[in-house]
Amino acid sequence: MAYATESDLIERYGAAELLAVADRDGNGSADSGMMERALDDASAEIDVYLAGRYALPLAHVPTVLVRIACDIARYRLWADRASDEVRRRYEDALRLLERIASGEVVLMQPGPDAPLPSAGTMVVAPGHARDWGVLQ
């Protein structure tokens, strides 16, 4: 299951940046297969962290996972030419995934299989002005 789409990448980073990293044949358009591969790799990486806590595939993809998938895919697309900002966003994404995997951060999922967060746990919930908060 992909957590983000090509459209998500374009919306977040712009077509010009994606063209710079994904136009491998020089024809003036981003290689769609290359972007899909980066997004699939990002989703697989996310699943490694989520698998111990959540039934996969998720019934609902929280907005924060779309962002994380885009940051990971972007880093993968830049490969060894990633800027400090691209690398930092990738590392931040991994740190957040580690916190999700440890249970310190909980992805709020609709339905009966959603884990119940405990007090002091950071909660990531879609559709709010902020995607996170700490339960009191």
N, C-alpha and C. Protein backbone atom coordinates (compact mmCIF):
# COMPACT_ATOMS: atom_id res chain seq x y z
N MET A 1 0.85 -1.18 0.00
CA MET A 1 0.00 0.00 0.00
C MET A 1 0.89 1.24 0.00
N ALA A 2 0.65 2.12 -0.94
CA ALA A 2 1.42 3.36 -1.02
C ALA A 2 0.80 4.41 -0.10
N TYR A 3 1.63 5.08 0.66
CA TYR A 3 1.15 6.12 1.58
C TYR A 3 1.08 7.49 0.91
N ALA A 4 1.71 7.64 -0.25
CA ALA A 4 1.69 8.92 -0.97
C ALA A 4 1.69 8.64 -2.47
N THR A 5 1.35 9.65 -3.23
CA THR A 5 1.26 9.55 -4.68
C THR A 5 2.23 10.53 -5.34
N GLU A 6 2.39 10.39 -6.64
CA GLU A 6 3.18 11.35 -7.40
C GLU A 6 2.63 12.75 -7.21
N SER A 7 1.31 12.88 -7.20
CA SER A 7 0.67 14.19 -7.00
C SER A 7 1.07 14.79 -5.66
N ASP A 8 1.15 13.95 -4.63
CA ASP A 8 1.59 14.43 -3.31
C ASP A 8 3.01 14.98 -3.38
N LEU A 9 3.90 14.26 -4.08
CA LEU A 9 5.28 14.72 -4.23
C LEU A 9 5.33 16.06 -4.96
N ILE A 10 4.59 16.18 -6.04
CA ILE A 10 4.58 17.41 -6.82
C ILE A 10 4.03 18.56 -6.00
N GLU A 11 2.95 18.30 -5.26
CA GLU A 11 2.34 19.34 -4.43
C GLU A 11 3.30 19.84 -3.36
N ARG A 12 4.08 18.94 -2.78
CA ARG A 12 4.97 19.31 -1.68
C ARG A 12 6.29 19.94 -2.15
N TYR A 13 6.85 19.45 -3.25
CA TYR A 13 8.19 19.87 -3.63
C TYR A 13 8.28 20.57 -4.98
N GLY A 14 7.20 20.55 -5.73
CA GLY A 14 7.16 21.23 -7.02
C GLY A 14 7.66 20.36 -8.17
N ALA A 15 7.08 20.61 -9.32
CA ALA A 15 7.43 19.84 -10.52
C ALA A 15 8.88 20.08 -10.93
N ALA A 16 9.38 21.29 -10.74
CA ALA A 16 10.75 21.61 -11.16
C ALA A 16 11.77 20.75 -10.41
N GLU A 17 11.59 20.60 -9.09
CA GLU A 17 12.54 19.79 -8.33
C GLU A 17 12.47 18.33 -8.76
N LEU A 18 11.26 17.83 -8.95
CA LEU A 18 11.11 16.43 -9.34
C LEU A 18 11.67 16.19 -10.74
N LEU A 19 11.53 17.16 -11.60
CA LEU A 19 12.11 17.05 -12.94
C LEU A 19 13.64 16.98 -12.82
N ALA A 20 14.20 17.77 -11.91
CA ALA A 20 15.66 17.79 -11.73
C ALA A 20 16.20 16.44 -11.27
N VAL A 21 15.42 15.70 -10.50
CA VAL A 21 15.93 14.43 -9.95
C VAL A 21 15.39 13.20 -10.66
N ALA A 22 14.28 13.34 -11.39
CA ALA A 22 13.65 12.15 -11.97
C ALA A 22 13.55 12.17 -13.49
N ASP A 23 14.23 13.09 -14.15
CA ASP A 23 14.28 13.10 -15.61
C ASP A 23 15.59 12.44 -16.03
N ARG A 24 15.66 11.15 -15.89
CA ARG A 24 16.89 10.42 -16.14
C ARG A 24 17.23 10.31 -17.63
N ASP A 25 16.22 10.34 -18.50
CA ASP A 25 16.52 10.21 -19.92
C ASP A 25 16.63 11.56 -20.64
N GLY A 26 16.43 12.66 -19.89
CA GLY A 26 16.60 13.99 -20.45
C GLY A 26 15.53 14.43 -21.43
N ASN A 27 14.36 13.81 -21.36
CA ASN A 27 13.29 14.16 -22.30
C ASN A 27 12.40 15.30 -21.82
N GLY A 28 12.72 15.90 -20.68
CA GLY A 28 11.94 17.04 -20.18
C GLY A 28 10.75 16.66 -19.34
N SER A 29 10.63 15.39 -18.98
CA SER A 29 9.56 14.99 -18.06
C SER A 29 10.11 13.99 -17.04
N ALA A 30 9.55 14.08 -15.86
CA ALA A 30 9.99 13.19 -14.77
C ALA A 30 9.60 11.76 -15.09
N ASP A 31 10.48 10.84 -14.81
CA ASP A 31 10.23 9.42 -15.02
C ASP A 31 9.24 8.93 -13.97
N SER A 32 8.02 8.67 -14.43
CA SER A 32 6.95 8.26 -13.52
C SER A 32 7.30 6.97 -12.79
N GLY A 33 7.92 6.05 -13.49
CA GLY A 33 8.30 4.78 -12.87
C GLY A 33 9.31 4.98 -11.75
N MET A 34 10.21 5.91 -11.95
CA MET A 34 11.22 6.20 -10.93
C MET A 34 10.56 6.79 -9.67
N MET A 35 9.61 7.70 -9.87
CA MET A 35 8.92 8.28 -8.71
C MET A 35 8.06 7.23 -8.01
N GLU A 36 7.38 6.39 -8.76
CA GLU A 36 6.58 5.33 -8.15
C GLU A 36 7.45 4.37 -7.35
N ARG A 37 8.62 4.05 -7.89
CA ARG A 37 9.55 3.16 -7.18
C ARG A 37 10.00 3.79 -5.87
N ALA A 38 10.32 5.09 -5.90
CA ALA A 38 10.74 5.79 -4.68
C ALA A 38 9.60 5.81 -3.66
N LEU A 39 8.38 6.04 -4.13
CA LEU A 39 7.21 6.05 -3.23
C LEU A 39 6.94 4.65 -2.67
N ASP A 40 7.08 3.62 -3.50
CA ASP A 40 6.90 2.25 -3.02
C ASP A 40 7.96 1.89 -1.98
N ASP A 41 9.21 2.29 -2.25
CA ASP A 41 10.28 2.04 -1.28
C ASP A 41 10.01 2.76 0.04
N ALA A 42 9.52 4.00 -0.06
CA ALA A 42 9.19 4.77 1.15
C ALA A 42 8.08 4.08 1.94
N SER A 43 7.07 3.59 1.23
CA SER A 43 5.96 2.91 1.90
C SER A 43 6.43 1.63 2.57
N ALA A 44 7.31 0.89 1.91
CA ALA A 44 7.85 -0.33 2.50
C ALA A 44 8.67 -0.01 3.75
N GLU A 45 9.42 1.08 3.70
CA GLU A 45 10.21 1.50 4.86
C GLU A 45 9.29 1.88 6.03
N ILE A 46 8.21 2.58 5.74
CA ILE A 46 7.24 2.94 6.77
C ILE A 46 6.62 1.69 7.37
N ASP A 47 6.26 0.74 6.52
CA ASP A 47 5.63 -0.50 7.00
C ASP A 47 6.51 -1.26 7.98
N VAL A 48 7.83 -1.21 7.78
CA VAL A 48 8.75 -1.88 8.71
C VAL A 48 8.55 -1.34 10.12
N TYR A 49 8.36 -0.04 10.24
CA TYR A 49 8.16 0.58 11.55
C TYR A 49 6.76 0.33 12.10
N LEU A 50 5.76 0.32 11.23
CA LEU A 50 4.37 0.20 11.69
C LEU A 50 3.96 -1.23 11.99
N ALA A 51 4.59 -2.20 11.36
CA ALA A 51 4.14 -3.59 11.42
C ALA A 51 4.04 -4.15 12.83
N GLY A 52 4.87 -3.71 13.73
CA GLY A 52 4.83 -4.22 15.09
C GLY A 52 3.70 -3.66 15.93
N ARG A 53 3.04 -2.60 15.47
CA ARG A 53 2.00 -1.93 16.26
C ARG A 53 0.64 -1.88 15.60
N TYR A 54 0.60 -1.98 14.27
CA TYR A 54 -0.64 -1.78 13.54
C TYR A 54 -0.87 -2.92 12.56
N ALA A 55 -2.15 -3.24 12.35
CA ALA A 55 -2.52 -4.20 11.31
C ALA A 55 -2.38 -3.48 9.97
N LEU A 56 -1.61 -4.07 9.08
CA LEU A 56 -1.37 -3.47 7.77
C LEU A 56 -2.10 -4.26 6.70
N PRO A 57 -2.60 -3.61 5.68
CA PRO A 57 -2.52 -2.18 5.42
C PRO A 57 -3.47 -1.40 6.32
N LEU A 58 -3.11 -0.16 6.59
CA LEU A 58 -3.96 0.70 7.42
C LEU A 58 -5.27 0.98 6.69
N ALA A 59 -6.35 1.04 7.43
CA ALA A 59 -7.65 1.36 6.84
C ALA A 59 -7.70 2.82 6.41
N HIS A 60 -6.98 3.67 7.12
CA HIS A 60 -6.95 5.10 6.84
C HIS A 60 -5.51 5.58 6.95
N VAL A 61 -5.07 6.38 5.98
CA VAL A 61 -3.70 6.89 6.00
C VAL A 61 -3.70 8.29 6.61
N PRO A 62 -3.12 8.44 7.82
CA PRO A 62 -3.03 9.77 8.42
C PRO A 62 -2.15 10.69 7.57
N THR A 63 -2.47 11.96 7.57
CA THR A 63 -1.74 12.96 6.80
C THR A 63 -0.24 12.93 7.11
N VAL A 64 0.10 12.68 8.35
CA VAL A 64 1.51 12.66 8.73
C VAL A 64 2.27 11.56 7.99
N LEU A 65 1.62 10.44 7.67
CA LEU A 65 2.30 9.39 6.93
C LEU A 65 2.50 9.77 5.47
N VAL A 66 1.60 10.57 4.92
CA VAL A 66 1.79 11.08 3.56
C VAL A 66 3.05 11.94 3.53
N ARG A 67 3.18 12.84 4.51
CA ARG A 67 4.36 13.70 4.59
C ARG A 67 5.63 12.87 4.76
N ILE A 68 5.60 11.91 5.65
CA ILE A 68 6.77 11.06 5.89
C ILE A 68 7.14 10.30 4.62
N ALA A 69 6.15 9.75 3.94
CA ALA A 69 6.42 9.01 2.70
C ALA A 69 7.04 9.92 1.65
N CYS A 70 6.54 11.14 1.55
CA CYS A 70 7.09 12.10 0.58
C CYS A 70 8.53 12.47 0.94
N ASP A 71 8.79 12.70 2.21
CA ASP A 71 10.16 13.06 2.63
C ASP A 71 11.14 11.91 2.36
N ILE A 72 10.71 10.68 2.61
CA ILE A 72 11.57 9.53 2.36
C ILE A 72 11.78 9.34 0.86
N ALA A 73 10.71 9.42 0.08
CA ALA A 73 10.82 9.26 -1.37
C ALA A 73 11.70 10.34 -1.98
N ARG A 74 11.53 11.56 -1.51
CA ARG A 74 12.35 12.68 -2.00
C ARG A 74 13.83 12.41 -1.74
N TYR A 75 14.14 11.95 -0.55
CA TYR A 75 15.53 11.63 -0.20
C TYR A 75 16.06 10.52 -1.13
N ARG A 76 15.25 9.51 -1.36
CA ARG A 76 15.66 8.40 -2.24
C ARG A 76 15.87 8.90 -3.67
N LEU A 77 15.02 9.81 -4.14
CA LEU A 77 15.17 10.34 -5.49
C LEU A 77 16.47 11.13 -5.65
N TRP A 78 16.83 11.90 -4.63
CA TRP A 78 18.06 12.69 -4.70
C TRP A 78 19.30 11.81 -4.58
N ALA A 79 19.14 10.63 -4.01
CA ALA A 79 20.23 9.67 -3.85
C ALA A 79 21.44 10.33 -3.18
N ASP A 80 22.60 10.25 -3.78
CA ASP A 80 23.82 10.76 -3.15
C ASP A 80 24.00 12.26 -3.35
N ARG A 81 23.01 12.94 -3.94
CA ARG A 81 23.10 14.38 -4.16
C ARG A 81 22.16 15.16 -3.23
N ALA A 82 21.63 14.51 -2.22
CA ALA A 82 20.66 15.15 -1.32
C ALA A 82 21.28 16.34 -0.59
N SER A 83 20.52 17.42 -0.53
CA SER A 83 20.97 18.60 0.22
C SER A 83 20.85 18.33 1.71
N ASP A 84 21.41 19.22 2.51
CA ASP A 84 21.29 19.08 3.97
C ASP A 84 19.82 19.11 4.39
N GLU A 85 19.02 19.97 3.75
CA GLU A 85 17.60 20.07 4.11
C GLU A 85 16.86 18.78 3.77
N VAL A 86 17.12 18.20 2.61
CA VAL A 86 16.48 16.94 2.20
C VAL A 86 16.89 15.84 3.16
N ARG A 87 18.16 15.77 3.50
CA ARG A 87 18.66 14.75 4.43
C ARG A 87 18.07 14.93 5.83
N ARG A 88 17.97 16.18 6.29
CA ARG A 88 17.41 16.45 7.62
C ARG A 88 15.95 16.02 7.68
N ARG A 89 15.19 16.33 6.64
CA ARG A 89 13.77 15.92 6.63
C ARG A 89 13.63 14.41 6.63
N TYR A 90 14.52 13.72 5.92
CA TYR A 90 14.52 12.25 5.92
C TYR A 90 14.83 11.73 7.32
N GLU A 91 15.86 12.27 7.93
CA GLU A 91 16.23 11.83 9.28
C GLU A 91 15.12 12.14 10.28
N ASP A 92 14.47 13.29 10.16
CA ASP A 92 13.33 13.62 11.03
C ASP A 92 12.20 12.62 10.83
N ALA A 93 11.96 12.23 9.59
CA ALA A 93 10.91 11.24 9.30
C ALA A 93 11.23 9.92 9.99
N LEU A 94 12.48 9.49 9.91
CA LEU A 94 12.87 8.23 10.56
C LEU A 94 12.73 8.31 12.07
N ARG A 95 13.09 9.45 12.65
CA ARG A 95 12.94 9.60 14.11
C ARG A 95 11.48 9.51 14.52
N LEU A 96 10.60 10.13 13.74
CA LEU A 96 9.17 10.05 14.06
C LEU A 96 8.67 8.61 13.90
N LEU A 97 9.12 7.92 12.88
CA LEU A 97 8.74 6.51 12.71
C LEU A 97 9.23 5.66 13.88
N GLU A 98 10.43 5.95 14.37
CA GLU A 98 10.94 5.22 15.54
C GLU A 98 10.05 5.46 16.76
N ARG A 99 9.58 6.69 16.91
CA ARG A 99 8.69 7.01 18.04
C ARG A 99 7.35 6.32 17.89
N ILE A 100 6.86 6.21 16.66
CA ILE A 100 5.62 5.49 16.40
C ILE A 100 5.83 4.01 16.72
N ALA A 101 6.94 3.45 16.27
CA ALA A 101 7.22 2.04 16.50
C ALA A 101 7.36 1.72 17.98
N SER A 102 7.89 2.66 18.76
CA SER A 102 8.07 2.42 20.19
C SER A 102 6.78 2.61 20.98
N GLY A 103 5.78 3.22 20.35
CA GLY A 103 4.52 3.48 21.04
C GLY A 103 4.47 4.85 21.70
N GLU A 104 5.55 5.60 21.62
CA GLU A 104 5.57 6.94 22.19
C GLU A 104 4.62 7.87 21.42
N VAL A 105 4.49 7.64 20.12
CA VAL A 105 3.56 8.39 19.27
C VAL A 105 2.56 7.38 18.72
N VAL A 106 1.28 7.72 18.76
CA VAL A 106 0.23 6.81 18.31
C VAL A 106 -0.47 7.41 17.11
N LEU A 107 -0.60 6.60 16.07
CA LEU A 107 -1.39 7.01 14.91
C LEU A 107 -2.85 6.71 15.23
N MET A 108 -3.68 7.72 15.23
CA MET A 108 -5.09 7.51 15.51
C MET A 108 -5.77 6.96 14.27
N GLN A 109 -6.35 5.80 14.42
CA GLN A 109 -7.05 5.13 13.34
C GLN A 109 -8.50 4.94 13.71
N PRO A 110 -9.42 5.21 12.80
CA PRO A 110 -10.82 4.94 13.10
C PRO A 110 -11.05 3.43 13.18
N GLY A 111 -11.97 3.01 14.00
CA GLY A 111 -12.34 1.60 14.05
C GLY A 111 -11.93 0.92 15.34
N PRO A 112 -12.39 -0.31 15.51
CA PRO A 112 -12.18 -1.05 16.75
C PRO A 112 -10.76 -1.53 16.97
N ASP A 113 -9.93 -1.61 15.93
CA ASP A 113 -8.57 -2.12 16.07
C ASP A 113 -7.56 -1.05 16.42
N ALA A 114 -8.02 0.19 16.60
CA ALA A 114 -7.11 1.29 16.91
C ALA A 114 -6.53 1.10 18.30
N PRO A 115 -5.21 1.26 18.45
CA PRO A 115 -4.62 1.15 19.78
C PRO A 115 -5.07 2.31 20.65
N LEU A 116 -5.19 2.07 21.93
CA LEU A 116 -5.60 3.11 22.86
C LEU A 116 -4.37 3.77 23.45
N PRO A 117 -4.21 5.07 23.23
CA PRO A 117 -3.03 5.75 23.78
C PRO A 117 -3.16 5.94 25.28
N SER A 118 -2.01 5.99 25.94
CA SER A 118 -2.01 6.25 27.37
C SER A 118 -1.64 7.70 27.62
N ALA A 119 -1.84 8.16 28.85
CA ALA A 119 -1.51 9.55 29.20
C ALA A 119 -0.04 9.81 28.93
N GLY A 120 0.26 11.00 28.41
CA GLY A 120 1.62 11.39 28.11
C GLY A 120 2.10 10.92 26.74
N THR A 121 1.24 10.26 25.98
CA THR A 121 1.59 9.77 24.66
C THR A 121 1.29 10.84 23.63
N MET A 122 2.20 11.02 22.68
CA MET A 122 1.96 11.94 21.58
C MET A 122 0.99 11.26 20.62
N VAL A 123 0.02 11.99 20.13
CA VAL A 123 -0.99 11.44 19.23
C VAL A 123 -0.90 12.16 17.89
N VAL A 124 -0.89 11.39 16.81
CA VAL A 124 -0.89 11.94 15.46
C VAL A 124 -2.26 11.65 14.88
N ALA A 125 -3.02 12.70 14.60
CA ALA A 125 -4.38 12.52 14.10
C ALA A 125 -4.59 13.38 12.86
N PRO A 126 -5.20 12.82 11.82
CA PRO A 126 -5.43 13.58 10.60
C PRO A 126 -6.58 14.57 10.77
N GLY A 127 -6.56 15.61 9.92
CA GLY A 127 -7.69 16.52 9.85
C GLY A 127 -7.71 17.60 10.91
N HIS A 128 -6.64 17.82 11.59
CA HIS A 128 -6.57 18.86 12.60
C HIS A 128 -5.59 19.93 12.14
N ALA A 129 -5.69 21.11 12.72
CA ALA A 129 -4.78 22.19 12.37
C ALA A 129 -3.34 21.77 12.62
N ARG A 130 -3.13 21.02 13.69
CA ARG A 130 -1.83 20.41 13.96
C ARG A 130 -2.04 18.92 13.90
N ASP A 131 -1.08 18.20 13.39
CA ASP A 131 -1.21 16.75 13.26
C ASP A 131 -0.83 16.01 14.53
N TRP A 132 -0.44 16.73 15.60
CA TRP A 132 0.02 16.04 16.79
C TRP A 132 -0.40 16.79 18.05
N GLY A 133 -0.30 16.09 19.15
CA GLY A 133 -0.60 16.67 20.45
C GLY A 133 -0.26 15.66 21.52
N VAL A 134 -0.21 16.05 22.73
CA VAL A 134 0.11 15.13 23.84
C VAL A 134 -1.15 14.95 24.67
N LEU A 135 -1.49 13.68 24.93
CA LEU A 135 -2.65 13.37 25.76
C LEU A 135 -2.35 13.74 27.21
N GLN A 136 -3.30 14.33 27.86
CA GLN A 136 -3.15 14.72 29.26
C GLN A 136 -3.82 13.72 30.17
